[in-house]
């Protein structure tokens, strides 16, 4: 992990791109039920908040392992959201 700043950028960019994909799907599918995409967007926002809270934890025993686990959590959340977006 290069830095906390880059980890924050990765989280922001990854989840932001997934939210943008939901909006694109909503705009390109005129007669679609947007409740599914809204739920995905809310899940992405919740994942963002959770990951940022983990980054700002002060009392960690092993910072390197802590940030690596956050990066792994980001990958899991992003893969889950991608699968849901593809199912739309």
PDB file of N, CA and C in Angstrom:
ATOM      1  N   UNK A   1       0.855  -1.170   0.000  1.00  0.00           N
ATOM      2  CA  UNK A   1       0.000   0.000   0.000  1.00  0.00           C
ATOM      3  C   UNK A   1       0.899   1.230   0.000  1.00  0.00           C
ATOM      4  N   UNK A   2       0.726   2.047  -1.008  1.00  0.00           N
ATOM      5  CA  UNK A   2       1.597   3.201  -1.171  1.00  0.00           C
ATOM      6  C   UNK A   2       1.324   4.271  -0.119  1.00  0.00           C
ATOM      7  N   UNK A   3       0.058   4.613   0.068  1.00  0.00           N
ATOM      8  CA  UNK A   3      -0.259   5.613   1.077  1.00  0.00           C
ATOM      9  C   UNK A   3      -1.753   5.592   1.384  1.00  0.00           C
ATOM     10  N   UNK A   4      -2.078   6.193   2.502  1.00  0.00           N
ATOM     11  CA  UNK A   4      -3.484   6.289   2.892  1.00  0.00           C
ATOM     12  C   UNK A   4      -4.227   7.173   1.896  1.00  0.00           C
ATOM     13  N   UNK A   5      -3.555   8.207   1.415  1.00  0.00           N
ATOM     14  CA  UNK A   5      -4.163   9.112   0.450  1.00  0.00           C
ATOM     15  C   UNK A   5      -4.579   8.360  -0.818  1.00  0.00           C
ATOM     16  N   UNK A   6      -3.722   7.467  -1.299  1.00  0.00           N
ATOM     17  CA  UNK A   6      -4.053   6.691  -2.496  1.00  0.00           C
ATOM     18  C   UNK A   6      -5.171   5.691  -2.223  1.00  0.00           C
ATOM     19  N   UNK A   7      -5.218   5.136  -1.019  1.00  0.00           N
ATOM     20  CA  UNK A   7      -6.292   4.221  -0.654  1.00  0.00           C
ATOM     21  C   UNK A   7      -7.626   4.959  -0.657  1.00  0.00           C
ATOM     22  N   UNK A   8      -7.646   6.163  -0.115  1.00  0.00           N
ATOM     23  CA  UNK A   8      -8.867   6.970  -0.119  1.00  0.00           C
ATOM     24  C   UNK A   8      -9.301   7.284  -1.546  1.00  0.00           C
ATOM     25  N   UNK A   9      -8.347   7.598  -2.413  1.00  0.00           N
ATOM     26  CA  UNK A   9      -8.667   7.872  -3.812  1.00  0.00           C
ATOM     27  C   UNK A   9      -9.227   6.628  -4.490  1.00  0.00           C
ATOM     28  N   UNK A  10      -8.641   5.464  -4.210  1.00  0.00           N
ATOM     29  CA  UNK A  10      -9.136   4.213  -4.783  1.00  0.00           C
ATOM     30  C   UNK A  10     -10.580   3.957  -4.372  1.00  0.00           C
ATOM     31  N   UNK A  11     -10.872   4.150  -3.099  1.00  0.00           N
ATOM     32  CA  UNK A  11     -12.234   3.943  -2.606  1.00  0.00           C
ATOM     33  C   UNK A  11     -13.191   4.908  -3.287  1.00  0.00           C
ATOM     34  N   UNK A  12     -12.824   6.159  -3.318  1.00  0.00           N
ATOM     35  CA  UNK A  12     -13.681   7.183  -3.919  1.00  0.00           C
ATOM     36  C   UNK A  12     -13.915   6.917  -5.396  1.00  0.00           C
ATOM     37  N   UNK A  13     -12.847   6.651  -6.122  1.00  0.00           N
ATOM     38  CA  UNK A  13     -12.974   6.444  -7.564  1.00  0.00           C
ATOM     39  C   UNK A  13     -13.736   5.168  -7.904  1.00  0.00           C
ATOM     40  N   UNK A  14     -13.455   4.088  -7.208  1.00  0.00           N
ATOM     41  CA  UNK A  14     -14.105   2.813  -7.500  1.00  0.00           C
ATOM     42  C   UNK A  14     -15.599   2.888  -7.233  1.00  0.00           C
ATOM     43  N   UNK A  15     -15.963   3.319  -6.043  1.00  0.00           N
ATOM     44  CA  UNK A  15     -17.382   3.371  -5.710  1.00  0.00           C
ATOM     45  C   UNK A  15     -18.094   4.473  -6.492  1.00  0.00           C
ATOM     46  N   UNK A  16     -17.401   5.553  -6.772  1.00  0.00           N
ATOM     47  CA  UNK A  16     -17.981   6.609  -7.596  1.00  0.00           C
ATOM     48  C   UNK A  16     -18.285   6.144  -9.013  1.00  0.00           C
ATOM     49  N   UNK A  17     -17.382   5.350  -9.579  1.00  0.00           N
ATOM     50  CA  UNK A  17     -17.614   4.803 -10.916  1.00  0.00           C
ATOM     51  C   UNK A  17     -18.799   3.849 -10.927  1.00  0.00           C
ATOM     52  N   UNK A  18     -18.961   3.082  -9.866  1.00  0.00           N
ATOM     53  CA  UNK A  18     -20.088   2.155  -9.800  1.00  0.00           C
ATOM     54  C   UNK A  18     -21.411   2.901  -9.661  1.00  0.00           C
ATOM     55  N   UNK A  19     -21.415   3.966  -8.894  1.00  0.00           N
ATOM     56  CA  UNK A  19     -22.621   4.794  -8.774  1.00  0.00           C
ATOM     57  C   UNK A  19     -22.933   5.439 -10.120  1.00  0.00           C
ATOM     58  N   UNK A  20     -21.902   5.905 -10.806  1.00  0.00           N
ATOM     59  CA  UNK A  20     -22.092   6.500 -12.122  1.00  0.00           C
ATOM     60  C   UNK A  20     -22.668   5.483 -13.104  1.00  0.00           C
ATOM     61  N   UNK A  21     -22.232   4.239 -13.013  1.00  0.00           N
ATOM     62  CA  UNK A  21     -22.770   3.186 -13.885  1.00  0.00           C
ATOM     63  C   UNK A  21     -24.255   2.983 -13.636  1.00  0.00           C
ATOM     64  N   UNK A  22     -24.676   3.089 -12.394  1.00  0.00           N
ATOM     65  CA  UNK A  22     -26.112   2.980 -12.079  1.00  0.00           C
ATOM     66  C   UNK A  22     -26.889   4.135 -12.704  1.00  0.00           C
ATOM     67  N   UNK A  23     -26.342   5.333 -12.602  1.00  0.00           N
ATOM     68  CA  UNK A  23     -27.024   6.491 -13.190  1.00  0.00           C
ATOM     69  C   UNK A  23     -27.103   6.379 -14.714  1.00  0.00           C
ATOM     70  N   UNK A  24     -26.040   5.903 -15.326  1.00  0.00           N
ATOM     71  CA  UNK A  24     -26.044   5.714 -16.780  1.00  0.00           C
ATOM     72  C   UNK A  24     -27.112   4.700 -17.165  1.00  0.00           C
ATOM     73  N   UNK A  25     -27.210   3.618 -16.394  1.00  0.00           N
ATOM     74  CA  UNK A  25     -28.230   2.607 -16.672  1.00  0.00           C
ATOM     75  C   UNK A  25     -29.625   3.212 -16.549  1.00  0.00           C
ATOM     76  N   UNK A  26     -29.837   4.044 -15.529  1.00  0.00           N
ATOM     77  CA  UNK A  26     -31.145   4.684 -15.351  1.00  0.00           C
ATOM     78  C   UNK A  26     -31.479   5.597 -16.525  1.00  0.00           C
ATOM     79  N   UNK A  27     -30.506   6.358 -16.998  1.00  0.00           N
ATOM     80  CA  UNK A  27     -30.759   7.293 -18.087  1.00  0.00           C
ATOM     81  C   UNK A  27     -30.964   6.600 -19.422  1.00  0.00           C
ATOM     82  N   UNK A  28     -30.293   5.482 -19.621  1.00  0.00           N
ATOM     83  CA  UNK A  28     -30.402   4.802 -20.910  1.00  0.00           C
ATOM     84  C   UNK A  28     -31.579   3.839 -20.970  1.00  0.00           C
ATOM     85  N   UNK A  29     -32.150   3.489 -19.846  1.00  0.00           N
ATOM     86  CA  UNK A  29     -33.285   2.586 -19.805  1.00  0.00           C
ATOM     87  C   UNK A  29     -34.483   3.387 -19.313  1.00  0.00           C
ATOM     88  N   UNK A  30     -35.250   3.906 -20.244  1.00  0.00           N
ATOM     89  CA  UNK A  30     -36.319   4.845 -19.916  1.00  0.00           C
ATOM     90  C   UNK A  30     -37.439   4.218 -19.082  1.00  0.00           C
ATOM     91  N   UNK A  31     -37.845   3.015 -19.402  1.00  0.00           N
ATOM     92  CA  UNK A  31     -38.985   2.417 -18.715  1.00  0.00           C
ATOM     93  C   UNK A  31     -38.570   1.462 -17.596  1.00  0.00           C
ATOM     94  N   UNK A  32     -37.384   1.615 -17.076  1.00  0.00           N
ATOM     95  CA  UNK A  32     -36.858   0.698 -16.064  1.00  0.00           C
ATOM     96  C   UNK A  32     -37.355   1.071 -14.670  1.00  0.00           C
ATOM     97  N   UNK A  33     -37.410   0.057 -13.822  1.00  0.00           N
ATOM     98  CA  UNK A  33     -37.726   0.258 -12.419  1.00  0.00           C
ATOM     99  C   UNK A  33     -36.443   0.696 -11.717  1.00  0.00           C
ATOM    100  N   UNK A  34     -36.393   1.943 -11.276  1.00  0.00           N
ATOM    101  CA  UNK A  34     -35.166   2.491 -10.708  1.00  0.00           C
ATOM    102  C   UNK A  34     -34.972   2.137  -9.241  1.00  0.00           C
ATOM    103  N   UNK A  35     -35.899   1.413  -8.652  1.00  0.00           N
ATOM    104  CA  UNK A  35     -35.727   1.067  -7.238  1.00  0.00           C
ATOM    105  C   UNK A  35     -34.530   0.141  -7.035  1.00  0.00           C
ATOM    106  N   UNK A  36     -34.254  -0.731  -8.025  1.00  0.00           N
ATOM    107  CA  UNK A  36     -33.103  -1.636  -7.912  1.00  0.00           C
ATOM    108  C   UNK A  36     -31.792  -0.860  -7.987  1.00  0.00           C
ATOM    109  N   UNK A  37     -31.709   0.065  -8.913  1.00  0.00           N
ATOM    110  CA  UNK A  37     -30.474   0.841  -9.043  1.00  0.00           C
ATOM    111  C   UNK A  37     -30.304   1.792  -7.861  1.00  0.00           C
ATOM    112  N   UNK A  38     -31.398   2.308  -7.330  1.00  0.00           N
ATOM    113  CA  UNK A  38     -31.313   3.166  -6.154  1.00  0.00           C
ATOM    114  C   UNK A  38     -30.796   2.379  -4.954  1.00  0.00           C
ATOM    115  N   UNK A  39     -31.231   1.137  -4.835  1.00  0.00           N
ATOM    116  CA  UNK A  39     -30.736   0.286  -3.743  1.00  0.00           C
ATOM    117  C   UNK A  39     -29.242   0.019  -3.891  1.00  0.00           C
ATOM    118  N   UNK A  40     -28.786  -0.176  -5.114  1.00  0.00           N
ATOM    119  CA  UNK A  40     -27.356  -0.393  -5.352  1.00  0.00           C
ATOM    120  C   UNK A  40     -26.560   0.863  -5.000  1.00  0.00           C
ATOM    121  N   UNK A  41     -27.095   2.022  -5.366  1.00  0.00           N
ATOM    122  CA  UNK A  41     -26.428   3.285  -5.043  1.00  0.00           C
ATOM    123  C   UNK A  41     -26.340   3.460  -3.532  1.00  0.00           C
ATOM    124  N   UNK A  42     -27.421   3.172  -2.826  1.00  0.00           N
ATOM    125  CA  UNK A  42     -27.411   3.281  -1.367  1.00  0.00           C
ATOM    126  C   UNK A  42     -26.404   2.311  -0.738  1.00  0.00           C
ATOM    127  N   UNK A  43     -26.298   1.122  -1.307  1.00  0.00           N
ATOM    128  CA  UNK A  43     -25.328   0.147  -0.810  1.00  0.00           C
ATOM    129  C   UNK A  43     -23.897   0.636  -1.044  1.00  0.00           C
ATOM    130  N   UNK A  44     -23.658   1.267  -2.188  1.00  0.00           N
ATOM    131  CA  UNK A  44     -22.327   1.804  -2.482  1.00  0.00           C
ATOM    132  C   UNK A  44     -21.976   2.938  -1.522  1.00  0.00           C
ATOM    133  N   UNK A  45     -22.942   3.769  -1.210  1.00  0.00           N
ATOM    134  CA  UNK A  45     -22.705   4.867  -0.270  1.00  0.00           C
ATOM    135  C   UNK A  45     -22.426   4.317   1.123  1.00  0.00           C
ATOM    136  N   UNK A  46     -23.164   3.289   1.517  1.00  0.00           N
ATOM    137  CA  UNK A  46     -22.932   2.666   2.827  1.00  0.00           C
ATOM    138  C   UNK A  46     -21.547   2.029   2.886  1.00  0.00           C
ATOM    139  N   UNK A  47     -21.132   1.386   1.798  1.00  0.00           N
ATOM    140  CA  UNK A  47     -19.794   0.788   1.749  1.00  0.00           C
ATOM    141  C   UNK A  47     -18.725   1.871   1.845  1.00  0.00           C
ATOM    142  N   UNK A  48     -18.940   2.985   1.167  1.00  0.00           N
ATOM    143  CA  UNK A  48     -18.009   4.106   1.229  1.00  0.00           C
ATOM    144  C   UNK A  48     -17.864   4.600   2.666  1.00  0.00           C
ATOM    145  N   UNK A  49     -18.999   4.806   3.328  1.00  0.00           N
ATOM    146  CA  UNK A  49     -18.964   5.298   4.706  1.00  0.00           C
ATOM    147  C   UNK A  49     -18.248   4.317   5.638  1.00  0.00           C
ATOM    148  N   UNK A  50     -18.522   3.040   5.465  1.00  0.00           N
ATOM    149  CA  UNK A  50     -17.902   2.020   6.300  1.00  0.00           C
ATOM    150  C   UNK A  50     -16.389   1.981   6.098  1.00  0.00           C
ATOM    151  N   UNK A  51     -15.969   2.019   4.842  1.00  0.00           N
ATOM    152  CA  UNK A  51     -14.538   1.968   4.560  1.00  0.00           C
ATOM    153  C   UNK A  51     -13.819   3.218   5.063  1.00  0.00           C
ATOM    154  N   UNK A  52     -14.437   4.368   4.918  1.00  0.00           N
ATOM    155  CA  UNK A  52     -13.814   5.595   5.420  1.00  0.00           C
ATOM    156  C   UNK A  52     -13.724   5.587   6.943  1.00  0.00           C
ATOM    157  N   UNK A  53     -14.750   5.045   7.604  1.00  0.00           N
ATOM    158  CA  UNK A  53     -14.687   4.931   9.062  1.00  0.00           C
ATOM    159  C   UNK A  53     -13.533   4.026   9.484  1.00  0.00           C
ATOM    160  N   UNK A  54     -13.317   2.942   8.736  1.00  0.00           N
ATOM    161  CA  UNK A  54     -12.211   2.037   9.051  1.00  0.00           C
ATOM    162  C   UNK A  54     -10.860   2.720   8.844  1.00  0.00           C
ATOM    163  N   UNK A  55     -10.766   3.550   7.816  1.00  0.00           N
ATOM    164  CA  UNK A  55      -9.503   4.264   7.565  1.00  0.00           C
ATOM    165  C   UNK A  55      -9.181   5.211   8.720  1.00  0.00           C
ATOM    166  N   UNK A  56     -10.196   5.847   9.279  1.00  0.00           N
ATOM    167  CA  UNK A  56      -9.970   6.852  10.310  1.00  0.00           C
ATOM    168  C   UNK A  56      -9.870   6.279  11.720  1.00  0.00           C
ATOM    169  N   UNK A  57      -9.831   4.954  11.857  1.00  0.00           N
ATOM    170  CA  UNK A  57      -9.620   4.363  13.174  1.00  0.00           C
ATOM    171  C   UNK A  57      -8.211   4.715  13.664  1.00  0.00           C
ATOM    172  N   UNK A  58      -8.124   5.106  14.910  1.00  0.00           N
ATOM    173  CA  UNK A  58      -6.837   5.541  15.461  1.00  0.00           C
ATOM    174  C   UNK A  58      -6.085   4.415  16.164  1.00  0.00           C
ATOM    175  N   UNK A  59      -6.783   3.564  16.853  1.00  0.00           N
ATOM    176  CA  UNK A  59      -6.160   2.528  17.674  1.00  0.00           C
ATOM    177  C   UNK A  59      -6.078   1.214  16.896  1.00  0.00           C
ATOM    178  N   UNK A  60      -5.049   1.051  16.078  1.00  0.00           N
ATOM    179  CA  UNK A  60      -4.831  -0.203  15.357  1.00  0.00           C
ATOM    180  C   UNK A  60      -3.456  -0.744  15.740  1.00  0.00           C
ATOM    181  N   UNK A  61      -3.380  -2.060  15.889  1.00  0.00           N
ATOM    182  CA  UNK A  61      -2.119  -2.661  16.307  1.00  0.00           C
ATOM    183  C   UNK A  61      -1.108  -2.731  15.169  1.00  0.00           C
ATOM    184  N   UNK A  62      -1.571  -3.154  13.997  1.00  0.00           N
ATOM    185  CA  UNK A  62      -0.689  -3.297  12.845  1.00  0.00           C
ATOM    186  C   UNK A  62      -1.275  -2.479  11.688  1.00  0.00           C
ATOM    187  N   UNK A  63      -0.801  -1.260  11.502  1.00  0.00           N
ATOM    188  CA  UNK A  63      -1.384  -0.394  10.475  1.00  0.00           C
ATOM    189  C   UNK A  63      -1.324  -0.978   9.062  1.00  0.00           C
ATOM    190  N   UNK A  64      -0.224  -1.619   8.724  1.00  0.00           N
ATOM    191  CA  UNK A  64      -0.086  -2.168   7.373  1.00  0.00           C
ATOM    192  C   UNK A  64      -1.143  -3.234   7.112  1.00  0.00           C
ATOM    193  N   UNK A  65      -1.334  -4.137   8.035  1.00  0.00           N
ATOM    194  CA  UNK A  65      -2.348  -5.187   7.888  1.00  0.00           C
ATOM    195  C   UNK A  65      -3.749  -4.584   7.890  1.00  0.00           C
ATOM    196  N   UNK A  66      -3.935  -3.552   8.698  1.00  0.00           N
ATOM    197  CA  UNK A  66      -5.240  -2.880   8.768  1.00  0.00           C
ATOM    198  C   UNK A  66      -5.617  -2.286   7.414  1.00  0.00           C
ATOM    199  N   UNK A  67      -4.695  -1.579   6.782  1.00  0.00           N
ATOM    200  CA  UNK A  67      -4.986  -0.952   5.497  1.00  0.00           C
ATOM    201  C   UNK A  67      -5.098  -1.978   4.371  1.00  0.00           C
ATOM    202  N   UNK A  68      -4.355  -3.063   4.473  1.00  0.00           N
ATOM    203  CA  UNK A  68      -4.508  -4.134   3.486  1.00  0.00           C
ATOM    204  C   UNK A  68      -5.877  -4.790   3.596  1.00  0.00           C
ATOM    205  N   UNK A  69      -6.386  -4.921   4.806  1.00  0.00           N
ATOM    206  CA  UNK A  69      -7.723  -5.499   4.974  1.00  0.00           C
ATOM    207  C   UNK A  69      -8.791  -4.548   4.445  1.00  0.00           C
ATOM    208  N   UNK A  70      -8.567  -3.251   4.571  1.00  0.00           N
ATOM    209  CA  UNK A  70      -9.512  -2.275   4.019  1.00  0.00           C
ATOM    210  C   UNK A  70      -9.519  -2.387   2.495  1.00  0.00           C
ATOM    211  N   UNK A  71      -8.351  -2.535   1.907  1.00  0.00           N
ATOM    212  CA  UNK A  71      -8.268  -2.684   0.451  1.00  0.00           C
ATOM    213  C   UNK A  71      -8.977  -3.961   0.002  1.00  0.00           C
ATOM    214  N   UNK A  72      -8.829  -5.035   0.768  1.00  0.00           N
ATOM    215  CA  UNK A  72      -9.514  -6.290   0.448  1.00  0.00           C
ATOM    216  C   UNK A  72     -11.028  -6.128   0.585  1.00  0.00           C
ATOM    217  N   UNK A  73     -11.465  -5.389   1.605  1.00  0.00           N
ATOM    218  CA  UNK A  73     -12.897  -5.125   1.778  1.00  0.00           C
ATOM    219  C   UNK A  73     -13.445  -4.315   0.609  1.00  0.00           C
ATOM    220  N   UNK A  74     -12.652  -3.382   0.104  1.00  0.00           N
ATOM    221  CA  UNK A  74     -13.062  -2.601  -1.060  1.00  0.00           C
ATOM    222  C   UNK A  74     -13.267  -3.500  -2.266  1.00  0.00           C
ATOM    223  N   UNK A  75     -12.356  -4.427  -2.485  1.00  0.00           N
ATOM    224  CA  UNK A  75     -12.480  -5.340  -3.622  1.00  0.00           C
ATOM    225  C   UNK A  75     -13.725  -6.201  -3.510  1.00  0.00           C
ATOM    226  N   UNK A  76     -14.000  -6.700  -2.322  1.00  0.00           N
ATOM    227  CA  UNK A  76     -15.182  -7.533  -2.112  1.00  0.00           C
ATOM    228  C   UNK A  76     -16.456  -6.722  -2.367  1.00  0.00           C
ATOM    229  N   UNK A  77     -16.515  -5.511  -1.814  1.00  0.00           N
ATOM    230  CA  UNK A  77     -17.698  -4.663  -1.995  1.00  0.00           C
ATOM    231  C   UNK A  77     -17.877  -4.287  -3.463  1.00  0.00           C
ATOM    232  N   UNK A  78     -16.787  -3.945  -4.135  1.00  0.00           N
ATOM    233  CA  UNK A  78     -16.876  -3.547  -5.539  1.00  0.00           C
ATOM    234  C   UNK A  78     -17.320  -4.715  -6.410  1.00  0.00           C
ATOM    235  N   UNK A  79     -16.787  -5.891  -6.168  1.00  0.00           N
ATOM    236  CA  UNK A  79     -17.184  -7.064  -6.965  1.00  0.00           C
ATOM    237  C   UNK A  79     -18.660  -7.386  -6.755  1.00  0.00           C
ATOM    238  N   UNK A  80     -19.135  -7.262  -5.538  1.00  0.00           N
ATOM    239  CA  UNK A  80     -20.532  -7.511  -5.239  1.00  0.00           C
ATOM    240  C   UNK A  80     -21.425  -6.511  -5.970  1.00  0.00           C
ATOM    241  N   UNK A  81     -21.040  -5.249  -5.931  1.00  0.00           N
ATOM    242  CA  UNK A  81     -21.828  -4.214  -6.601  1.00  0.00           C
ATOM    243  C   UNK A  81     -21.804  -4.381  -8.114  1.00  0.00           C
ATOM    244  N   UNK A  82     -20.676  -4.772  -8.669  1.00  0.00           N
ATOM    245  CA  UNK A  82     -20.575  -5.001 -10.125  1.00  0.00           C
ATOM    246  C   UNK A  82     -21.524  -6.109 -10.550  1.00  0.00           C
ATOM    247  N   UNK A  83     -21.577  -7.188  -9.777  1.00  0.00           N
ATOM    248  CA  UNK A  83     -22.484  -8.279 -10.092  1.00  0.00           C
ATOM    249  C   UNK A  83     -23.938  -7.803 -10.070  1.00  0.00           C
ATOM    250  N   UNK A  84     -24.281  -6.972  -9.108  1.00  0.00           N
ATOM    251  CA  UNK A  84     -25.651  -6.460  -9.014  1.00  0.00           C
ATOM    252  C   UNK A  84     -25.962  -5.520 -10.180  1.00  0.00           C
ATOM    253  N   UNK A  85     -24.991  -4.712 -10.575  1.00  0.00           N
ATOM    254  CA  UNK A  85     -25.204  -3.793 -11.699  1.00  0.00           C
ATOM    255  C   UNK A  85     -25.363  -4.583 -12.990  1.00  0.00           C
ATOM    256  N   UNK A  86     -24.564  -5.618 -13.164  1.00  0.00           N
ATOM    257  CA  UNK A  86     -24.676  -6.442 -14.357  1.00  0.00           C
ATOM    258  C   UNK A  86     -26.001  -7.176 -14.433  1.00  0.00           C
ATOM    259  N   UNK A  87     -26.606  -7.437 -13.275  1.00  0.00           N
ATOM    260  CA  UNK A  87     -27.893  -8.142 -13.250  1.00  0.00           C
ATOM    261  C   UNK A  87     -29.063  -7.225 -13.575  1.00  0.00           C
ATOM    262  N   UNK A  88     -28.830  -5.918 -13.612  1.00  0.00           N
ATOM    263  CA  UNK A  88     -29.924  -4.998 -13.936  1.00  0.00           C
ATOM    264  C   UNK A  88     -30.378  -5.206 -15.318  1.00  0.00           C
TER     265      UNK A  88
END
